[in-house]
Amino acid sequence: MGSFSRPSASLSEPLDLYLHGYVSSRIMNLSRVSETGLPLCVCASKVDGLVLTLTPNSHNYNYRSAVLFGHATPVTSPEEKLWAMELITNSVVPARWQHTRLPPTPAEFQSTSILRVSIASASAKIREGVPNDEAGDLRNEEVLDAVWTGVLPLYEQLGEPVAGPYNRVEVVPEHVSGYREGFNGGNREYAEAAARKDAPVKREKVEGE
């Protein structure tokens, strides 16, 4: 997510979604023949915990999800395309772009297409919290004594960096090791905090034109 015309824009401001792909892939070919922009729906979700309750019917997940609706058009400006390639690269590992061989070769640049998706509307949903059972089950002492309930926090972790076969840099650079440390700590902290919410929280936010 970013804004080429306002690079310093924050996530709280209107942003475009940038996607990349091979120049002759199906989605890129479709975007070039659409006069009004290719209509797209982009979905993303992240599971933060497995919520185990007294009965399978009440089992749940702690999660974060978002759905974006918009229209995609190819980026034709070389300046914006290069900016978007840097934005996408750094969204994987921050500061990675400037720590690589640059600039892209003409062949690399020409074989990559970038789509700019102008967002028309969006929806986000979040579930956090402890298990939530039916009142009847909560009054059943026999069930309460027999069934364990709780949340298994679920989070992604990056393992120890493994050097490639022709790597000659002995020390893992800080932009890699520092990102790994922050990524792992942040994911674990969020998932465990979500599992300890006193009451289940479900939030939904919808934004549109």
C-alpha atoms as a PDB file:
ATOM      1  CA  MET A   1       0.000   0.000   0.000  1.00  0.00           C
ATOM      2  CA  GLY A   2       1.324   3.437  -0.878  1.00  0.00           C
ATOM      3  CA  SER A   3       0.854   6.712  -2.687  1.00  0.00           C
ATOM      4  CA  PHE A   4       3.255   7.700  -5.468  1.00  0.00           C
ATOM      5  CA  SER A   5       2.052  11.307  -5.386  1.00  0.00           C
ATOM      6  CA  ARG A   6       2.304  11.436  -1.553  1.00  0.00           C
ATOM      7  CA  PRO A   7       5.099   9.023  -0.539  1.00  0.00           C
ATOM      8  CA  SER A   8       4.923  10.090   3.109  1.00  0.00           C
ATOM      9  CA  ALA A   9       1.205   9.272   3.433  1.00  0.00           C
ATOM     10  CA  SER A  10       0.374   7.078   6.420  1.00  0.00           C
ATOM     11  CA  LEU A  11      -1.890   4.029   6.603  1.00  0.00           C
ATOM     12  CA  SER A  12      -4.673   6.250   7.935  1.00  0.00           C
ATOM     13  CA  GLU A  13      -4.771   8.161   4.629  1.00  0.00           C
ATOM     14  CA  PRO A  14      -6.130   7.039   1.235  1.00  0.00           C
ATOM     15  CA  LEU A  15      -3.573   4.737  -0.425  1.00  0.00           C
ATOM     16  CA  ASP A  16      -3.342   2.647  -3.570  1.00  0.00           C
ATOM     17  CA  LEU A  17      -2.530  -1.047  -3.644  1.00  0.00           C
ATOM     18  CA  TYR A  18       0.374  -2.077  -5.869  1.00  0.00           C
ATOM     19  CA  LEU A  19       0.680  -5.586  -7.291  1.00  0.00           C
ATOM     20  CA  HIS A  20       3.495  -7.010  -9.392  1.00  0.00           C
ATOM     21  CA  GLY A  21       3.709  -9.927 -11.787  1.00  0.00           C
ATOM     22  CA  TYR A  22       5.214 -11.266 -14.952  1.00  0.00           C
ATOM     23  CA  VAL A  23       4.474  -9.068 -17.938  1.00  0.00           C
ATOM     24  CA  SER A  24       2.539 -11.772 -19.844  1.00  0.00           C
ATOM     25  CA  SER A  25       0.627 -13.270 -16.913  1.00  0.00           C
ATOM     26  CA  ARG A  26      -3.144 -13.496 -17.280  1.00  0.00           C
ATOM     27  CA  ILE A  27      -4.008 -10.738 -14.828  1.00  0.00           C
ATOM     28  CA  MET A  28      -1.572  -8.336 -16.494  1.00  0.00           C
ATOM     29  CA  ASN A  29      -2.959  -9.109 -19.955  1.00  0.00           C
ATOM     30  CA  LEU A  30      -6.524  -8.573 -18.732  1.00  0.00           C
ATOM     31  CA  SER A  31      -5.643  -5.233 -17.163  1.00  0.00           C
ATOM     32  CA  ARG A  32      -4.298  -3.893 -20.448  1.00  0.00           C
ATOM     33  CA  VAL A  33      -7.523  -4.505 -22.378  1.00  0.00           C
ATOM     34  CA  SER A  34      -9.836  -2.954 -19.785  1.00  0.00           C
ATOM     35  CA  GLU A  35     -10.755   0.641 -20.576  1.00  0.00           C
ATOM     36  CA  THR A  36     -12.103   1.453 -17.112  1.00  0.00           C
ATOM     37  CA  GLY A  37      -9.651  -0.602 -15.075  1.00  0.00           C
ATOM     38  CA  LEU A  38      -9.804  -4.274 -14.203  1.00  0.00           C
ATOM     39  CA  PRO A  39     -12.243  -4.856 -11.288  1.00  0.00           C
ATOM     40  CA  LEU A  40     -10.485  -6.693  -8.501  1.00  0.00           C
ATOM     41  CA  CYS A  41     -11.260  -8.096  -5.085  1.00  0.00           C
ATOM     42  CA  VAL A  42      -8.185  -8.627  -2.925  1.00  0.00           C
ATOM     43  CA  CYS A  43      -8.519 -10.609   0.304  1.00  0.00           C
ATOM     44  CA  ALA A  44      -6.046 -11.193   3.129  1.00  0.00           C
ATOM     45  CA  SER A  45      -6.377 -12.934   6.470  1.00  0.00           C
ATOM     46  CA  LYS A  46      -4.142 -13.806   9.411  1.00  0.00           C
ATOM     47  CA  VAL A  47      -5.019 -16.312  12.139  1.00  0.00           C
ATOM     48  CA  ASP A  48      -3.811 -15.322  15.622  1.00  0.00           C
ATOM     49  CA  GLY A  49      -5.195 -18.149  17.743  1.00  0.00           C
ATOM     50  CA  LEU A  50      -7.245 -21.349  17.917  1.00  0.00           C
ATOM     51  CA  VAL A  51     -10.152 -20.828  20.312  1.00  0.00           C
ATOM     52  CA  LEU A  52     -11.150 -24.126  21.969  1.00  0.00           C
ATOM     53  CA  THR A  53     -14.515 -24.151  23.745  1.00  0.00           C
ATOM     54  CA  LEU A  54     -16.703 -26.658  25.571  1.00  0.00           C
ATOM     55  CA  THR A  55     -18.452 -27.767  22.390  1.00  0.00           C
ATOM     56  CA  PRO A  56     -17.197 -28.004  18.787  1.00  0.00           C
ATOM     57  CA  ASN A  57     -20.084 -25.789  17.688  1.00  0.00           C
ATOM     58  CA  SER A  58     -18.560 -22.858  19.585  1.00  0.00           C
ATOM     59  CA  HIS A  59     -14.935 -23.324  18.514  1.00  0.00           C
ATOM     60  CA  ASN A  60     -13.528 -20.220  16.875  1.00  0.00           C
ATOM     61  CA  TYR A  61     -10.431 -18.384  15.702  1.00  0.00           C
ATOM     62  CA  ASN A  62      -8.791 -15.162  16.721  1.00  0.00           C
ATOM     63  CA  TYR A  63      -8.061 -13.493  13.398  1.00  0.00           C
ATOM     64  CA  ARG A  64      -7.591 -10.337  11.365  1.00  0.00           C
ATOM     65  CA  SER A  65      -8.962 -10.062   7.844  1.00  0.00           C
ATOM     66  CA  ALA A  66      -9.468  -7.455   5.162  1.00  0.00           C
ATOM     67  CA  VAL A  67     -11.180  -7.296   1.776  1.00  0.00           C
ATOM     68  CA  LEU A  68     -10.404  -4.564  -0.747  1.00  0.00           C
ATOM     69  CA  PHE A  69     -12.509  -3.741  -3.799  1.00  0.00           C
ATOM     70  CA  GLY A  70     -11.131  -1.590  -6.589  1.00  0.00           C
ATOM     71  CA  HIS A  71      -9.998  -1.213 -10.177  1.00  0.00           C
ATOM     72  CA  ALA A  72      -6.498  -2.043 -11.408  1.00  0.00           C
ATOM     73  CA  THR A  73      -4.637  -0.211 -14.148  1.00  0.00           C
ATOM     74  CA  PRO A  74      -1.093  -0.861 -15.408  1.00  0.00           C
ATOM     75  CA  VAL A  75       1.596   1.538 -14.227  1.00  0.00           C
ATOM     76  CA  THR A  76       3.159   3.031 -17.368  1.00  0.00           C
ATOM     77  CA  SER A  77       5.374   5.722 -15.859  1.00  0.00           C
ATOM     78  CA  PRO A  78       8.955   4.400 -15.448  1.00  0.00           C
ATOM     79  CA  GLU A  79       9.383   6.559 -12.347  1.00  0.00           C
ATOM     80  CA  GLU A  80       6.272   5.232 -10.639  1.00  0.00           C
ATOM     81  CA  LYS A  81       7.062   1.673 -11.699  1.00  0.00           C
ATOM     82  CA  LEU A  82      10.536   1.817 -10.142  1.00  0.00           C
ATOM     83  CA  TRP A  83       9.074   3.422  -7.001  1.00  0.00           C
ATOM     84  CA  ALA A  84       6.454   0.656  -6.766  1.00  0.00           C
ATOM     85  CA  MET A  85       9.084  -2.066  -7.214  1.00  0.00           C
ATOM     86  CA  GLU A  86      10.983  -0.600  -4.268  1.00  0.00           C
ATOM     87  CA  LEU A  87       7.775  -0.323  -2.217  1.00  0.00           C
ATOM     88  CA  ILE A  88       6.874  -3.970  -2.862  1.00  0.00           C
ATOM     89  CA  THR A  89      10.405  -5.230  -2.125  1.00  0.00           C
ATOM     90  CA  ASN A  90      10.588  -3.339   1.163  1.00  0.00           C
ATOM     91  CA  SER A  91       7.152  -4.619   2.188  1.00  0.00           C
ATOM     92  CA  VAL A  92       8.724  -8.088   2.426  1.00  0.00           C
ATOM     93  CA  VAL A  93      11.869  -7.059   4.336  1.00  0.00           C
ATOM     94  CA  PRO A  94      12.194  -3.350   5.183  1.00  0.00           C
ATOM     95  CA  ALA A  95      15.237  -1.631   3.632  1.00  0.00           C
ATOM     96  CA  ARG A  96      15.970  -4.662   1.460  1.00  0.00           C
ATOM     97  CA  TRP A  97      15.848  -2.664  -1.792  1.00  0.00           C
ATOM     98  CA  GLN A  98      18.860  -0.500  -1.015  1.00  0.00           C
ATOM     99  CA  HIS A  99      20.858  -3.516   0.163  1.00  0.00           C
ATOM    100  CA  THR A 100      20.664  -5.326  -3.189  1.00  0.00           C
ATOM    101  CA  ARG A 101      22.216  -5.016  -6.643  1.00  0.00           C
ATOM    102  CA  LEU A 102      20.634  -1.954  -8.216  1.00  0.00           C
ATOM    103  CA  PRO A 103      19.165  -0.752 -10.473  1.00  0.00           C
ATOM    104  CA  PRO A 104      17.156  -3.547 -12.106  1.00  0.00           C
ATOM    105  CA  THR A 105      18.505  -4.507 -15.515  1.00  0.00           C
ATOM    106  CA  PRO A 106      16.469  -3.486 -18.587  1.00  0.00           C
ATOM    107  CA  ALA A 107      15.361  -7.107 -18.976  1.00  0.00           C
ATOM    108  CA  GLU A 108      14.204  -7.283 -15.338  1.00  0.00           C
ATOM    109  CA  PHE A 109      12.395  -3.973 -15.669  1.00  0.00           C
ATOM    110  CA  GLN A 110      10.615  -4.933 -18.898  1.00  0.00           C
ATOM    111  CA  SER A 111       9.598  -8.412 -17.750  1.00  0.00           C
ATOM    112  CA  THR A 112       7.853  -7.061 -14.645  1.00  0.00           C
ATOM    113  CA  SER A 113       4.448  -5.382 -14.748  1.00  0.00           C
ATOM    114  CA  ILE A 114       2.976  -3.327 -11.937  1.00  0.00           C
ATOM    115  CA  LEU A 115      -0.726  -2.779 -11.298  1.00  0.00           C
ATOM    116  CA  ARG A 116      -2.052   0.168  -9.341  1.00  0.00           C
ATOM    117  CA  VAL A 117      -5.350  -0.703  -7.661  1.00  0.00           C
ATOM    118  CA  SER A 118      -7.487   2.310  -6.762  1.00  0.00           C
ATOM    119  CA  ILE A 119      -9.558   1.248  -3.761  1.00  0.00           C
ATOM    120  CA  ALA A 120     -13.298   1.924  -4.033  1.00  0.00           C
ATOM    121  CA  SER A 121     -14.353   0.240  -0.787  1.00  0.00           C
ATOM    122  CA  ALA A 122     -12.958  -2.020   1.886  1.00  0.00           C
ATOM    123  CA  SER A 123     -14.024  -4.188   4.808  1.00  0.00           C
ATOM    124  CA  ALA A 124     -11.982  -5.349   7.799  1.00  0.00           C
ATOM    125  CA  LYS A 125     -12.880  -7.805  10.575  1.00  0.00           C
ATOM    126  CA  ILE A 126     -11.025  -8.735  13.760  1.00  0.00           C
ATOM    127  CA  ARG A 127     -11.777 -11.355  16.418  1.00  0.00           C
ATOM    128  CA  GLU A 128      -9.860 -11.296  19.706  1.00  0.00           C
ATOM    129  CA  GLY A 129     -10.587 -12.851  23.070  1.00  0.00           C
ATOM    130  CA  VAL A 130     -11.133 -15.877  25.225  1.00  0.00           C
ATOM    131  CA  PRO A 131     -13.563 -18.758  24.555  1.00  0.00           C
ATOM    132  CA  ASN A 132     -17.251 -17.936  24.551  1.00  0.00           C
ATOM    133  CA  ASP A 133     -19.708 -20.756  25.300  1.00  0.00           C
ATOM    134  CA  GLU A 134     -23.480 -21.012  25.496  1.00  0.00           C
ATOM    135  CA  ALA A 135     -25.037 -20.317  28.886  1.00  0.00           C
ATOM    136  CA  GLY A 136     -26.396 -23.860  29.109  1.00  0.00           C
ATOM    137  CA  ASP A 137     -22.938 -25.377  28.769  1.00  0.00           C
ATOM    138  CA  LEU A 138     -21.536 -22.949  31.313  1.00  0.00           C
ATOM    139  CA  ARG A 139     -24.102 -24.205  33.854  1.00  0.00           C
ATOM    140  CA  ASN A 140     -23.154 -27.849  33.266  1.00  0.00           C
ATOM    141  CA  GLU A 141     -20.694 -28.651  36.059  1.00  0.00           C
ATOM    142  CA  GLU A 142     -19.878 -32.083  34.635  1.00  0.00           C
ATOM    143  CA  VAL A 143     -18.829 -30.603  31.291  1.00  0.00           C
ATOM    144  CA  LEU A 144     -16.889 -27.798  32.948  1.00  0.00           C
ATOM    145  CA  ASP A 145     -14.920 -30.351  34.994  1.00  0.00           C
ATOM    146  CA  ALA A 146     -14.115 -32.519  31.950  1.00  0.00           C
ATOM    147  CA  VAL A 147     -13.365 -30.214  28.999  1.00  0.00           C
ATOM    148  CA  TRP A 148     -10.312 -27.961  28.753  1.00  0.00           C
ATOM    149  CA  THR A 149     -11.064 -24.577  27.216  1.00  0.00           C
ATOM    150  CA  GLY A 150      -8.686 -21.856  26.148  1.00  0.00           C
ATOM    151  CA  VAL A 151      -6.774 -20.349  23.272  1.00  0.00           C
ATOM    152  CA  LEU A 152      -3.710 -21.661  21.479  1.00  0.00           C
ATOM    153  CA  PRO A 153      -1.903 -18.507  20.289  1.00  0.00           C
ATOM    154  CA  LEU A 154      -0.845 -18.880  16.664  1.00  0.00           C
ATOM    155  CA  TYR A 155       1.814 -16.717  15.084  1.00  0.00           C
ATOM    156  CA  GLU A 156       4.427 -16.782  12.339  1.00  0.00           C
ATOM    157  CA  GLN A 157       8.088 -16.931  13.265  1.00  0.00           C
ATOM    158  CA  LEU A 158      11.175 -16.413  11.118  1.00  0.00           C
ATOM    159  CA  GLY A 159      13.917 -18.972  11.733  1.00  0.00           C
ATOM    160  CA  GLU A 160      17.660 -18.452  11.905  1.00  0.00           C
ATOM    161  CA  PRO A 161      19.013 -17.001   8.635  1.00  0.00           C
ATOM    162  CA  VAL A 162      20.567 -19.665   6.395  1.00  0.00           C
ATOM    163  CA  ALA A 163      23.283 -18.365   4.085  1.00  0.00           C
ATOM    164  CA  GLY A 164      23.056 -19.159   0.387  1.00  0.00           C
ATOM    165  CA  PRO A 165      25.648 -21.369  -1.383  1.00  0.00           C
ATOM    166  CA  TYR A 166      27.554 -18.427  -2.891  1.00  0.00           C
ATOM    167  CA  ASN A 167      27.098 -15.956  -0.035  1.00  0.00           C
ATOM    168  CA  ARG A 168      30.372 -14.200   0.901  1.00  0.00           C
ATOM    169  CA  VAL A 169      29.017 -11.852   3.578  1.00  0.00           C
ATOM    170  CA  GLU A 170      29.925 -13.497   6.878  1.00  0.00           C
ATOM    171  CA  VAL A 171      27.751 -11.382   9.170  1.00  0.00           C
ATOM    172  CA  VAL A 172      23.992 -11.304   8.648  1.00  0.00           C
ATOM    173  CA  PRO A 173      23.167  -7.621   7.951  1.00  0.00           C
ATOM    174  CA  GLU A 174      21.167  -5.707  10.515  1.00  0.00           C
ATOM    175  CA  HIS A 175      18.277  -5.030   8.144  1.00  0.00           C
ATOM    176  CA  VAL A 176      17.749  -8.815   8.053  1.00  0.00           C
ATOM    177  CA  SER A 177      18.520  -9.774  11.670  1.00  0.00           C
ATOM    178  CA  GLY A 178      16.755  -6.731  13.116  1.00  0.00           C
ATOM    179  CA  TYR A 179      13.654  -7.338  11.031  1.00  0.00           C
ATOM    180  CA  ARG A 180      13.581 -10.998  12.127  1.00  0.00           C
ATOM    181  CA  GLU A 181      13.766 -10.031  15.785  1.00  0.00           C
ATOM    182  CA  GLY A 182      11.024  -7.410  15.517  1.00  0.00           C
ATOM    183  CA  PHE A 183       8.806  -9.646  13.378  1.00  0.00           C
ATOM    184  CA  ASN A 184       9.007 -12.579  15.770  1.00  0.00           C
ATOM    185  CA  GLY A 185       8.526 -10.504  18.898  1.00  0.00           C
ATOM    186  CA  GLY A 186       5.637  -8.499  17.499  1.00  0.00           C
ATOM    187  CA  ASN A 187       3.721 -11.516  16.203  1.00  0.00           C
ATOM    188  CA  ARG A 188       4.051 -13.439  19.458  1.00  0.00           C
ATOM    189  CA  GLU A 189       3.130 -10.420  21.580  1.00  0.00           C
ATOM    190  CA  TYR A 190      -0.013  -9.702  19.549  1.00  0.00           C
ATOM    191  CA  ALA A 191      -1.232 -13.321  19.479  1.00  0.00           C
ATOM    192  CA  GLU A 192      -0.748 -13.825  23.206  1.00  0.00           C
ATOM    193  CA  ALA A 193      -2.398 -10.497  24.061  1.00  0.00           C
ATOM    194  CA  ALA A 194      -5.377 -11.358  21.833  1.00  0.00           C
ATOM    195  CA  ALA A 195      -5.741 -14.706  23.622  1.00  0.00           C
ATOM    196  CA  ARG A 196      -5.987 -12.975  27.003  1.00  0.00           C
ATOM    197  CA  LYS A 197      -8.712 -10.461  26.173  1.00  0.00           C
ATOM    198  CA  ASP A 198     -11.261 -10.675  29.014  1.00  0.00           C
ATOM    199  CA  ALA A 199     -14.191 -10.912  26.629  1.00  0.00           C
ATOM    200  CA  PRO A 200     -14.388 -11.885  22.969  1.00  0.00           C
ATOM    201  CA  VAL A 201     -14.117  -8.849  20.731  1.00  0.00           C
ATOM    202  CA  LYS A 202     -15.381  -8.826  17.164  1.00  0.00           C
ATOM    203  CA  ARG A 203     -14.928  -5.646  15.224  1.00  0.00           C
ATOM    204  CA  GLU A 204     -15.952  -4.907  11.694  1.00  0.00           C
ATOM    205  CA  LYS A 205     -15.165  -1.775   9.773  1.00  0.00           C
ATOM    206  CA  VAL A 206     -16.486  -0.984   6.333  1.00  0.00           C
ATOM    207  CA  GLU A 207     -15.328   1.951   4.253  1.00  0.00           C
ATOM    208  CA  GLY A 208     -16.608   3.006   0.863  1.00  0.00           C
ATOM    209  CA  GLU A 209     -17.108   5.892  -1.444  1.00  0.00           C
END
